[in-house]
Amino acid sequence: MSLLADTPGLLEALRGERTPKFLATRGPAWEPNVVPCLSLMPDSDESDLLFFGNFLLRKSVRNLESDPRVGILVMTPELHGWILTADFLEFQRSGSYVERQNSAKMLRYNAYTGIRNAGLLRARTVEATFSLTRLQVARDFASARLSALRDAVHDGAEARVPAAARREFGRMAAIKVMSWIGTDGYPFVVPALSLQPKGEWQLAVCLDQHLGHCPQPTTPVIGGRVAANVLTAEAISYQAKVRWEQAGKTGTIHVHSVYAGGPPIPGGRVA
């Protein structure tokens, strides 16, 4: 029995080199870190092994070396998705996993060097599957926009979100996710497509209620640590480390740091 193969559509989505995939890890003091990881691939139909290329993943690598617990979100362009947890096994510097990563189109034709090594994960659970509609996305985006227009204040925030990051977080046609540490200690990643700036110091989001059946909580603890990430069609990415507050269905996020997700300063703090 294979957890991945027994979940309809999941293997096919994981094999897509351009399917949006996000990898969440645990940092010190239970701080989540979530980044795009399009290189994440399944090993085979019979195995629950996953592997990914260590390409611009410095903070994630450090976290994995100290804590093996991983959260994963996979979402197709048609807005079908899966939320998983996994356990990190090891990094390999050579062998078939490294060769398969370096032969992938995304790395074969990039302007930078190949991967440093390949990371191996074992899928642990499929926490939830979901399917969004364009109408749902538009409705939640509008709800978050209304929240963003009200009461945008500096209270509780520690960093001003740079204009470039606000622009990308404000796009409706971008993949946005949030991650926090679940009750079992594993990072938990959910879609947050409505995420957008609320002034210069905060973000607003309307979380999808269809995730209510998940074993993990679908919203973090009030005041808890959360990581939010945006990935655009142009492969621009930013991550915000934030503190969560909620008022009904719509949440407000107080930003305390912002990081660039790609060149020329991958993983570098910008606020």
C-alpha atoms as a PDB file:
ATOM      1  CA  MET A   1       0.000   0.000   0.000  1.00  0.00           C
ATOM      2  CA  SER A   2       1.290   3.455  -0.918  1.00  0.00           C
ATOM      3  CA  LEU A   3      -0.109   6.573   0.735  1.00  0.00           C
ATOM      4  CA  LEU A   4       0.717   8.695  -2.312  1.00  0.00           C
ATOM      5  CA  ALA A   5      -0.567   6.229  -4.920  1.00  0.00           C
ATOM      6  CA  ASP A   6      -3.791   5.653  -2.994  1.00  0.00           C
ATOM      7  CA  THR A   7      -4.620   9.381  -3.004  1.00  0.00           C
ATOM      8  CA  PRO A   8      -6.337  10.173  -6.339  1.00  0.00           C
ATOM      9  CA  GLY A   9      -4.476  12.695  -8.483  1.00  0.00           C
ATOM     10  CA  LEU A  10      -1.629  13.287  -6.044  1.00  0.00           C
ATOM     11  CA  LEU A  11       1.173  11.427  -7.844  1.00  0.00           C
ATOM     12  CA  GLU A  12       0.344  13.107 -11.148  1.00  0.00           C
ATOM     13  CA  ALA A  13       0.390  16.525  -9.502  1.00  0.00           C
ATOM     14  CA  LEU A  14       3.700  15.823  -7.765  1.00  0.00           C
ATOM     15  CA  ARG A  15       5.290  14.823 -11.068  1.00  0.00           C
ATOM     16  CA  GLY A  16       4.448  18.193 -12.639  1.00  0.00           C
ATOM     17  CA  GLU A  17       7.676  20.192 -12.860  1.00  0.00           C
ATOM     18  CA  ARG A  18       5.706  23.444 -12.806  1.00  0.00           C
ATOM     19  CA  THR A  19       3.024  22.378 -10.321  1.00  0.00           C
ATOM     20  CA  PRO A  20       3.176  24.797  -7.362  1.00  0.00           C
ATOM     21  CA  LYS A  21       4.551  22.931  -4.329  1.00  0.00           C
ATOM     22  CA  PHE A  22       5.538  24.361  -0.971  1.00  0.00           C
ATOM     23  CA  LEU A  23       7.815  22.934   1.704  1.00  0.00           C
ATOM     24  CA  ALA A  24       7.409  23.975   5.347  1.00  0.00           C
ATOM     25  CA  THR A  25      10.006  23.315   8.039  1.00  0.00           C
ATOM     26  CA  ARG A  26      10.456  24.089  11.741  1.00  0.00           C
ATOM     27  CA  GLY A  27      12.933  26.634  12.987  1.00  0.00           C
ATOM     28  CA  PRO A  28      13.943  27.501  16.552  1.00  0.00           C
ATOM     29  CA  ALA A  29      11.142  28.208  19.019  1.00  0.00           C
ATOM     30  CA  TRP A  30       8.561  26.509  16.753  1.00  0.00           C
ATOM     31  CA  GLU A  31       8.884  29.160  14.062  1.00  0.00           C
ATOM     32  CA  PRO A  32       7.595  27.898  10.687  1.00  0.00           C
ATOM     33  CA  ASN A  33       9.430  28.529   7.431  1.00  0.00           C
ATOM     34  CA  VAL A  34       7.612  27.919   4.134  1.00  0.00           C
ATOM     35  CA  VAL A  35       9.108  28.204   0.641  1.00  0.00           C
ATOM     36  CA  PRO A  36       8.261  27.129  -2.916  1.00  0.00           C
ATOM     37  CA  CYS A  37       9.824  23.762  -3.795  1.00  0.00           C
ATOM     38  CA  LEU A  38       8.815  22.965  -7.370  1.00  0.00           C
ATOM     39  CA  SER A  39      11.567  20.335  -7.592  1.00  0.00           C
ATOM     40  CA  LEU A  40       9.707  18.064  -5.144  1.00  0.00           C
ATOM     41  CA  MET A  41       9.019  14.756  -6.914  1.00  0.00           C
ATOM     42  CA  PRO A  42       7.780  11.243  -6.037  1.00  0.00           C
ATOM     43  CA  ASP A  43      10.291   8.414  -6.263  1.00  0.00           C
ATOM     44  CA  SER A  44       7.934   5.777  -7.736  1.00  0.00           C
ATOM     45  CA  ASP A  45       4.336   4.540  -7.747  1.00  0.00           C
ATOM     46  CA  GLU A  46       5.089   1.921  -5.073  1.00  0.00           C
ATOM     47  CA  SER A  47       7.083   4.108  -2.700  1.00  0.00           C
ATOM     48  CA  ASP A  48       6.104   6.931  -0.376  1.00  0.00           C
ATOM     49  CA  LEU A  49       9.521   8.496  -0.853  1.00  0.00           C
ATOM     50  CA  LEU A  50       9.763  12.067  -2.128  1.00  0.00           C
ATOM     51  CA  PHE A  51      12.922  13.865  -3.179  1.00  0.00           C
ATOM     52  CA  PHE A  52      13.808  17.466  -3.950  1.00  0.00           C
ATOM     53  CA  GLY A  53      16.770  19.479  -5.126  1.00  0.00           C
ATOM     54  CA  ASN A  54      18.620  21.687  -2.664  1.00  0.00           C
ATOM     55  CA  PHE A  55      18.530  24.810  -4.809  1.00  0.00           C
ATOM     56  CA  LEU A  56      18.359  28.156  -2.956  1.00  0.00           C
ATOM     57  CA  LEU A  57      16.955  26.456   0.181  1.00  0.00           C
ATOM     58  CA  ARG A  58      19.465  27.574   2.800  1.00  0.00           C
ATOM     59  CA  LYS A  59      17.079  28.209   5.721  1.00  0.00           C
ATOM     60  CA  SER A  60      15.048  25.068   4.984  1.00  0.00           C
ATOM     61  CA  VAL A  61      18.227  22.964   4.952  1.00  0.00           C
ATOM     62  CA  ARG A  62      19.323  24.321   8.331  1.00  0.00           C
ATOM     63  CA  ASN A  63      15.911  23.581   9.784  1.00  0.00           C
ATOM     64  CA  LEU A  64      15.839  20.033   8.398  1.00  0.00           C
ATOM     65  CA  GLU A  65      19.240  19.284   9.885  1.00  0.00           C
ATOM     66  CA  SER A  66      17.865  20.007  13.359  1.00  0.00           C
ATOM     67  CA  ASP A  67      14.226  18.863  13.020  1.00  0.00           C
ATOM     68  CA  PRO A  68      12.933  16.302  10.474  1.00  0.00           C
ATOM     69  CA  ARG A  69       9.265  17.309  10.597  1.00  0.00           C
ATOM     70  CA  VAL A  70       7.944  18.690   7.307  1.00  0.00           C
ATOM     71  CA  GLY A  71       4.687  20.099   5.934  1.00  0.00           C
ATOM     72  CA  ILE A  72       3.860  20.080   2.216  1.00  0.00           C
ATOM     73  CA  LEU A  73       1.215  21.730   0.059  1.00  0.00           C
ATOM     74  CA  VAL A  74       0.655  20.752  -3.582  1.00  0.00           C
ATOM     75  CA  MET A  75      -1.812  22.711  -5.731  1.00  0.00           C
ATOM     76  CA  THR A  76      -2.494  22.378  -9.446  1.00  0.00           C
ATOM     77  CA  PRO A  77      -3.275  25.309 -11.773  1.00  0.00           C
ATOM     78  CA  GLU A  78      -6.882  24.052 -11.663  1.00  0.00           C
ATOM     79  CA  LEU A  79      -6.854  24.726  -7.872  1.00  0.00           C
ATOM     80  CA  HIS A  80      -7.004  21.088  -6.786  1.00  0.00           C
ATOM     81  CA  GLY A  81      -4.726  20.520  -3.828  1.00  0.00           C
ATOM     82  CA  TRP A  82      -3.323  18.282  -1.134  1.00  0.00           C
ATOM     83  CA  ILE A  83      -1.924  19.007   2.334  1.00  0.00           C
ATOM     84  CA  LEU A  84       0.670  16.508   3.583  1.00  0.00           C
ATOM     85  CA  THR A  85       3.132  15.911   6.372  1.00  0.00           C
ATOM     86  CA  ALA A  86       6.421  14.081   5.881  1.00  0.00           C
ATOM     87  CA  ASP A  87       9.649  13.146   7.653  1.00  0.00           C
ATOM     88  CA  PHE A  88      13.053  14.210   6.367  1.00  0.00           C
ATOM     89  CA  LEU A  89      15.475  11.289   5.942  1.00  0.00           C
ATOM     90  CA  GLU A  90      18.779  12.582   4.570  1.00  0.00           C
ATOM     91  CA  PHE A  91      20.657  14.604   1.968  1.00  0.00           C
ATOM     92  CA  GLN A  92      22.539  12.760  -0.776  1.00  0.00           C
ATOM     93  CA  ARG A  93      25.387  14.439  -2.668  1.00  0.00           C
ATOM     94  CA  SER A  94      25.457  11.909  -5.512  1.00  0.00           C
ATOM     95  CA  GLY A  95      23.410   9.102  -7.000  1.00  0.00           C
ATOM     96  CA  SER A  96      20.176   8.718  -8.925  1.00  0.00           C
ATOM     97  CA  TYR A  97      18.193  11.348  -7.014  1.00  0.00           C
ATOM     98  CA  VAL A  98      20.819  14.028  -7.684  1.00  0.00           C
ATOM     99  CA  GLU A  99      21.053  12.992 -11.338  1.00  0.00           C
ATOM    100  CA  ARG A 100      17.281  13.077 -11.795  1.00  0.00           C
ATOM    101  CA  GLN A 101      17.081  16.547 -10.253  1.00  0.00           C
ATOM    102  CA  ASN A 102      19.894  17.952 -12.389  1.00  0.00           C
ATOM    103  CA  SER A 103      18.284  16.559 -15.546  1.00  0.00           C
ATOM    104  CA  ALA A 104      14.962  18.305 -14.869  1.00  0.00           C
ATOM    105  CA  LYS A 105      14.161  21.187 -17.244  1.00  0.00           C
ATOM    106  CA  MET A 106      13.884  23.703 -14.429  1.00  0.00           C
ATOM    107  CA  LEU A 107      17.511  23.138 -13.377  1.00  0.00           C
ATOM    108  CA  ARG A 108      19.034  22.046 -16.672  1.00  0.00           C
ATOM    109  CA  TYR A 109      18.452  25.445 -18.291  1.00  0.00           C
ATOM    110  CA  ASN A 110      18.824  27.815 -15.331  1.00  0.00           C
ATOM    111  CA  ALA A 111      21.541  30.456 -15.249  1.00  0.00           C
ATOM    112  CA  TYR A 112      22.918  29.215 -11.924  1.00  0.00           C
ATOM    113  CA  THR A 113      24.694  26.045 -10.862  1.00  0.00           C
ATOM    114  CA  GLY A 114      22.971  22.700 -10.303  1.00  0.00           C
ATOM    115  CA  ILE A 115      21.731  21.481  -6.954  1.00  0.00           C
ATOM    116  CA  ARG A 116      24.056  21.039  -3.968  1.00  0.00           C
ATOM    117  CA  ASN A 117      22.410  17.749  -3.043  1.00  0.00           C
ATOM    118  CA  ALA A 118      19.063  15.961  -3.067  1.00  0.00           C
ATOM    119  CA  GLY A 119      16.863  15.740   0.000  1.00  0.00           C
ATOM    120  CA  LEU A 120      14.804  12.636   0.736  1.00  0.00           C
ATOM    121  CA  LEU A 121      11.459  12.675   2.533  1.00  0.00           C
ATOM    122  CA  ARG A 122       9.009   9.958   3.497  1.00  0.00           C
ATOM    123  CA  ALA A 123       5.337  10.937   3.232  1.00  0.00           C
ATOM    124  CA  ARG A 124       3.609  10.486   6.588  1.00  0.00           C
ATOM    125  CA  THR A 125       0.013  11.665   6.195  1.00  0.00           C
ATOM    126  CA  VAL A 126      -2.329  13.261   3.706  1.00  0.00           C
ATOM    127  CA  GLU A 127      -4.043  15.713   6.010  1.00  0.00           C
ATOM    128  CA  ALA A 128      -6.598  16.963   3.488  1.00  0.00           C
ATOM    129  CA  THR A 129      -7.517  17.309  -0.153  1.00  0.00           C
ATOM    130  CA  PHE A 130      -9.312  20.363  -1.488  1.00  0.00           C
ATOM    131  CA  SER A 131     -10.738  21.824  -4.661  1.00  0.00           C
ATOM    132  CA  LEU A 132     -11.301  25.555  -4.981  1.00  0.00           C
ATOM    133  CA  THR A 133     -13.457  27.378  -7.493  1.00  0.00           C
ATOM    134  CA  ARG A 134     -12.616  30.686  -9.133  1.00  0.00           C
ATOM    135  CA  LEU A 135     -15.757  32.099  -7.531  1.00  0.00           C
ATOM    136  CA  GLN A 136     -14.571  31.071  -4.051  1.00  0.00           C
ATOM    137  CA  VAL A 137     -11.199  32.646  -4.658  1.00  0.00           C
ATOM    138  CA  ALA A 138     -12.722  35.907  -5.907  1.00  0.00           C
ATOM    139  CA  ARG A 139     -15.181  36.065  -2.996  1.00  0.00           C
ATOM    140  CA  ASP A 140     -12.494  35.485  -0.350  1.00  0.00           C
ATOM    141  CA  PHE A 141     -10.162  37.963  -2.052  1.00  0.00           C
ATOM    142  CA  ALA A 142     -12.901  40.601  -1.904  1.00  0.00           C
ATOM    143  CA  SER A 143     -13.554  39.860   1.793  1.00  0.00           C
ATOM    144  CA  ALA A 144      -9.868  40.229   2.596  1.00  0.00           C
ATOM    145  CA  ARG A 145      -9.728  43.434   0.536  1.00  0.00           C
ATOM    146  CA  LEU A 146     -12.536  44.950   2.620  1.00  0.00           C
ATOM    147  CA  SER A 147     -10.638  44.022   5.769  1.00  0.00           C
ATOM    148  CA  ALA A 148      -7.447  45.501   4.323  1.00  0.00           C
ATOM    149  CA  LEU A 149      -9.187  48.825   3.728  1.00  0.00           C
ATOM    150  CA  ARG A 150     -10.303  49.050   7.367  1.00  0.00           C
ATOM    151  CA  ASP A 151      -8.206  49.927  10.363  1.00  0.00           C
ATOM    152  CA  ALA A 152      -4.729  49.346   8.915  1.00  0.00           C
ATOM    153  CA  VAL A 153      -2.503  50.255  11.866  1.00  0.00           C
ATOM    154  CA  HIS A 154       1.083  49.823  13.015  1.00  0.00           C
ATOM    155  CA  ASP A 155      -0.003  48.096  16.264  1.00  0.00           C
ATOM    156  CA  GLY A 156       1.978  44.897  16.900  1.00  0.00           C
ATOM    157  CA  ALA A 157       3.985  44.973  13.678  1.00  0.00           C
ATOM    158  CA  GLU A 158       7.781  45.175  13.712  1.00  0.00           C
ATOM    159  CA  ALA A 159       8.619  45.579  10.025  1.00  0.00           C
ATOM    160  CA  ARG A 160       7.283  47.678   7.169  1.00  0.00           C
ATOM    161  CA  VAL A 161       6.600  45.441   4.157  1.00  0.00           C
ATOM    162  CA  PRO A 162       8.666  46.751   1.212  1.00  0.00           C
ATOM    163  CA  ALA A 163       6.721  48.081  -1.752  1.00  0.00           C
ATOM    164  CA  ALA A 164       7.989  45.284  -4.032  1.00  0.00           C
ATOM    165  CA  ALA A 165       6.725  42.618  -1.617  1.00  0.00           C
ATOM    166  CA  ARG A 166       3.397  44.412  -1.130  1.00  0.00           C
ATOM    167  CA  ARG A 167       2.932  44.430  -4.885  1.00  0.00           C
ATOM    168  CA  GLU A 168       3.414  40.653  -5.165  1.00  0.00           C
ATOM    169  CA  PHE A 169       1.289  39.826  -2.094  1.00  0.00           C
ATOM    170  CA  GLY A 170      -1.433  42.036  -3.553  1.00  0.00           C
ATOM    171  CA  ARG A 171      -1.754  40.049  -6.781  1.00  0.00           C
ATOM    172  CA  MET A 172      -4.905  38.005  -7.155  1.00  0.00           C
ATOM    173  CA  ALA A 173      -3.271  35.769  -9.789  1.00  0.00           C
ATOM    174  CA  ALA A 174      -0.535  34.418  -7.502  1.00  0.00           C
ATOM    175  CA  ILE A 175      -0.196  31.334  -5.310  1.00  0.00           C
ATOM    176  CA  LYS A 176      -0.152  32.281  -1.636  1.00  0.00           C
ATOM    177  CA  VAL A 177       0.083  29.970   1.374  1.00  0.00           C
ATOM    178  CA  MET A 178       0.339  30.141   5.143  1.00  0.00           C
ATOM    179  CA  SER A 179       2.093  27.760   7.527  1.00  0.00           C
ATOM    180  CA  TRP A 180       2.183  27.258  11.277  1.00  0.00           C
ATOM    181  CA  ILE A 181       3.123  24.447  13.642  1.00  0.00           C
ATOM    182  CA  GLY A 182       0.230  22.022  14.156  1.00  0.00           C
ATOM    183  CA  THR A 183      -0.835  20.355  17.377  1.00  0.00           C
ATOM    184  CA  ASP A 184       1.311  17.296  16.577  1.00  0.00           C
ATOM    185  CA  GLY A 185       4.442  19.413  16.090  1.00  0.00           C
ATOM    186  CA  TYR A 186       4.490  19.168  12.290  1.00  0.00           C
ATOM    187  CA  PRO A 187       4.322  22.278  10.084  1.00  0.00           C
ATOM    188  CA  PHE A 188       0.867  22.666   8.564  1.00  0.00           C
ATOM    189  CA  VAL A 189       0.446  24.460   5.208  1.00  0.00           C
ATOM    190  CA  VAL A 190      -2.834  25.800   3.798  1.00  0.00           C
ATOM    191  CA  PRO A 191      -3.779  27.805   0.706  1.00  0.00           C
ATOM    192  CA  ALA A 192      -4.275  31.506   1.402  1.00  0.00           C
ATOM    193  CA  LEU A 193      -4.993  32.925  -2.044  1.00  0.00           C
ATOM    194  CA  SER A 194      -6.797  35.962  -0.627  1.00  0.00           C
ATOM    195  CA  LEU A 195      -3.697  37.119   1.279  1.00  0.00           C
ATOM    196  CA  GLN A 196      -2.906  40.789   0.563  1.00  0.00           C
ATOM    197  CA  PRO A 197      -1.353  43.908   2.122  1.00  0.00           C
ATOM    198  CA  LYS A 198      -3.169  45.782   4.847  1.00  0.00           C
ATOM    199  CA  GLY A 199      -1.341  49.080   4.856  1.00  0.00           C
ATOM    200  CA  GLU A 200       2.448  48.910   5.096  1.00  0.00           C
ATOM    201  CA  TRP A 201       2.716  46.865   8.285  1.00  0.00           C
ATOM    202  CA  GLN A 202       0.120  44.103   8.049  1.00  0.00           C
ATOM    203  CA  LEU A 203      -1.451  41.488   5.779  1.00  0.00           C
ATOM    204  CA  ALA A 204      -5.092  40.449   5.605  1.00  0.00           C
ATOM    205  CA  VAL A 205      -6.412  37.007   4.663  1.00  0.00           C
ATOM    206  CA  CYS A 206      -9.716  35.180   4.441  1.00  0.00           C
ATOM    207  CA  LEU A 207      -8.985  31.492   5.025  1.00  0.00           C
ATOM    208  CA  ASP A 208     -10.905  28.831   3.101  1.00  0.00           C
ATOM    209  CA  GLN A 209     -13.583  27.274   5.251  1.00  0.00           C
ATOM    210  CA  HIS A 210     -13.673  24.012   3.292  1.00  0.00           C
ATOM    211  CA  LEU A 211     -10.561  22.973   5.224  1.00  0.00           C
ATOM    212  CA  GLY A 212     -12.587  22.656   8.412  1.00  0.00           C
ATOM    213  CA  HIS A 213     -12.455  18.846   8.441  1.00  0.00           C
ATOM    214  CA  CYS A 214      -8.652  18.767   8.682  1.00  0.00           C
ATOM    215  CA  PRO A 215      -7.157  16.957  11.697  1.00  0.00           C
ATOM    216  CA  GLN A 216      -5.000  20.041  12.322  1.00  0.00           C
ATOM    217  CA  PRO A 217      -6.485  23.421  13.276  1.00  0.00           C
ATOM    218  CA  THR A 218      -7.327  25.479  10.212  1.00  0.00           C
ATOM    219  CA  THR A 219      -6.230  28.686  11.899  1.00  0.00           C
ATOM    220  CA  PRO A 220      -3.204  29.153  14.160  1.00  0.00           C
ATOM    221  CA  VAL A 221      -3.346  30.185  17.796  1.00  0.00           C
ATOM    222  CA  ILE A 222      -4.066  33.860  18.398  1.00  0.00           C
ATOM    223  CA  GLY A 223      -0.700  35.567  18.697  1.00  0.00           C
ATOM    224  CA  GLY A 224       1.019  32.498  17.262  1.00  0.00           C
ATOM    225  CA  ARG A 225       3.913  32.430  14.820  1.00  0.00           C
ATOM    226  CA  VAL A 226       2.946  32.090  11.155  1.00  0.00           C
ATOM    227  CA  ALA A 227       4.860  32.145   7.880  1.00  0.00           C
ATOM    228  CA  ALA A 228       3.246  33.400   4.664  1.00  0.00           C
ATOM    229  CA  ASN A 229       4.647  32.954   1.153  1.00  0.00           C
ATOM    230  CA  VAL A 230       3.713  34.254  -2.294  1.00  0.00           C
ATOM    231  CA  LEU A 231       4.824  32.706  -5.594  1.00  0.00           C
ATOM    232  CA  THR A 232       4.003  34.487  -8.859  1.00  0.00           C
ATOM    233  CA  ALA A 233       3.876  33.162 -12.417  1.00  0.00           C
ATOM    234  CA  GLU A 234       7.188  34.970 -12.988  1.00  0.00           C
ATOM    235  CA  ALA A 235       8.775  32.865 -10.188  1.00  0.00           C
ATOM    236  CA  ILE A 236       9.019  35.871  -7.850  1.00  0.00           C
ATOM    237  CA  SER A 237       8.633  34.855  -4.219  1.00  0.00           C
ATOM    238  CA  TYR A 238       8.576  36.559  -0.832  1.00  0.00           C
ATOM    239  CA  GLN A 239       8.132  35.136   2.657  1.00  0.00           C
ATOM    240  CA  ALA A 240       6.750  37.090   5.602  1.00  0.00           C
ATOM    241  CA  LYS A 241       7.201  35.967   9.194  1.00  0.00           C
ATOM    242  CA  VAL A 242       4.200  37.191  11.118  1.00  0.00           C
ATOM    243  CA  ARG A 243       2.013  37.054  14.221  1.00  0.00           C
ATOM    244  CA  TRP A 244      -1.580  35.891  13.717  1.00  0.00           C
ATOM    245  CA  GLU A 245      -4.692  37.692  14.900  1.00  0.00           C
ATOM    246  CA  GLN A 246      -8.220  36.838  13.843  1.00  0.00           C
ATOM    247  CA  ALA A 247     -11.621  38.476  13.793  1.00  0.00           C
ATOM    248  CA  GLY A 248     -14.187  35.982  12.530  1.00  0.00           C
ATOM    249  CA  LYS A 249     -13.345  34.449   9.176  1.00  0.00           C
ATOM    250  CA  THR A 250     -10.857  37.153   8.236  1.00  0.00           C
ATOM    251  CA  GLY A 251      -7.430  37.258   9.856  1.00  0.00           C
ATOM    252  CA  THR A 252      -4.951  40.096  10.286  1.00  0.00           C
ATOM    253  CA  ILE A 253      -1.234  39.330  10.245  1.00  0.00           C
ATOM    254  CA  HIS A 254       1.280  41.586  11.999  1.00  0.00           C
ATOM    255  CA  VAL A 255       4.567  41.415  10.104  1.00  0.00           C
ATOM    256  CA  HIS A 256       7.893  41.160  11.922  1.00  0.00           C
ATOM    257  CA  SER A 257      10.218  40.259   9.015  1.00  0.00           C
ATOM    258  CA  VAL A 258      10.187  39.792   5.235  1.00  0.00           C
ATOM    259  CA  TYR A 259      12.552  37.687   3.112  1.00  0.00           C
ATOM    260  CA  ALA A 260      13.218  37.478  -0.618  1.00  0.00           C
ATOM    261  CA  GLY A 261      12.710  34.013  -2.087  1.00  0.00           C
ATOM    262  CA  GLY A 262      14.935  34.196  -5.154  1.00  0.00           C
ATOM    263  CA  PRO A 263      17.990  35.811  -6.789  1.00  0.00           C
ATOM    264  CA  PRO A 264      19.871  37.986  -6.319  1.00  0.00           C
ATOM    265  CA  ILE A 265      19.492  37.503  -2.532  1.00  0.00           C
ATOM    266  CA  PRO A 266      17.648  34.192  -2.024  1.00  0.00           C
ATOM    267  CA  GLY A 267      16.578  33.891   1.576  1.00  0.00           C
ATOM    268  CA  GLY A 268      17.925  37.349   2.347  1.00  0.00           C
ATOM    269  CA  ARG A 269      16.005  39.573   4.739  1.00  0.00           C
ATOM    270  CA  VAL A 270      14.549  42.677   3.084  1.00  0.00           C
ATOM    271  CA  ALA A 271      12.593  44.061   6.060  1.00  0.00           C
END
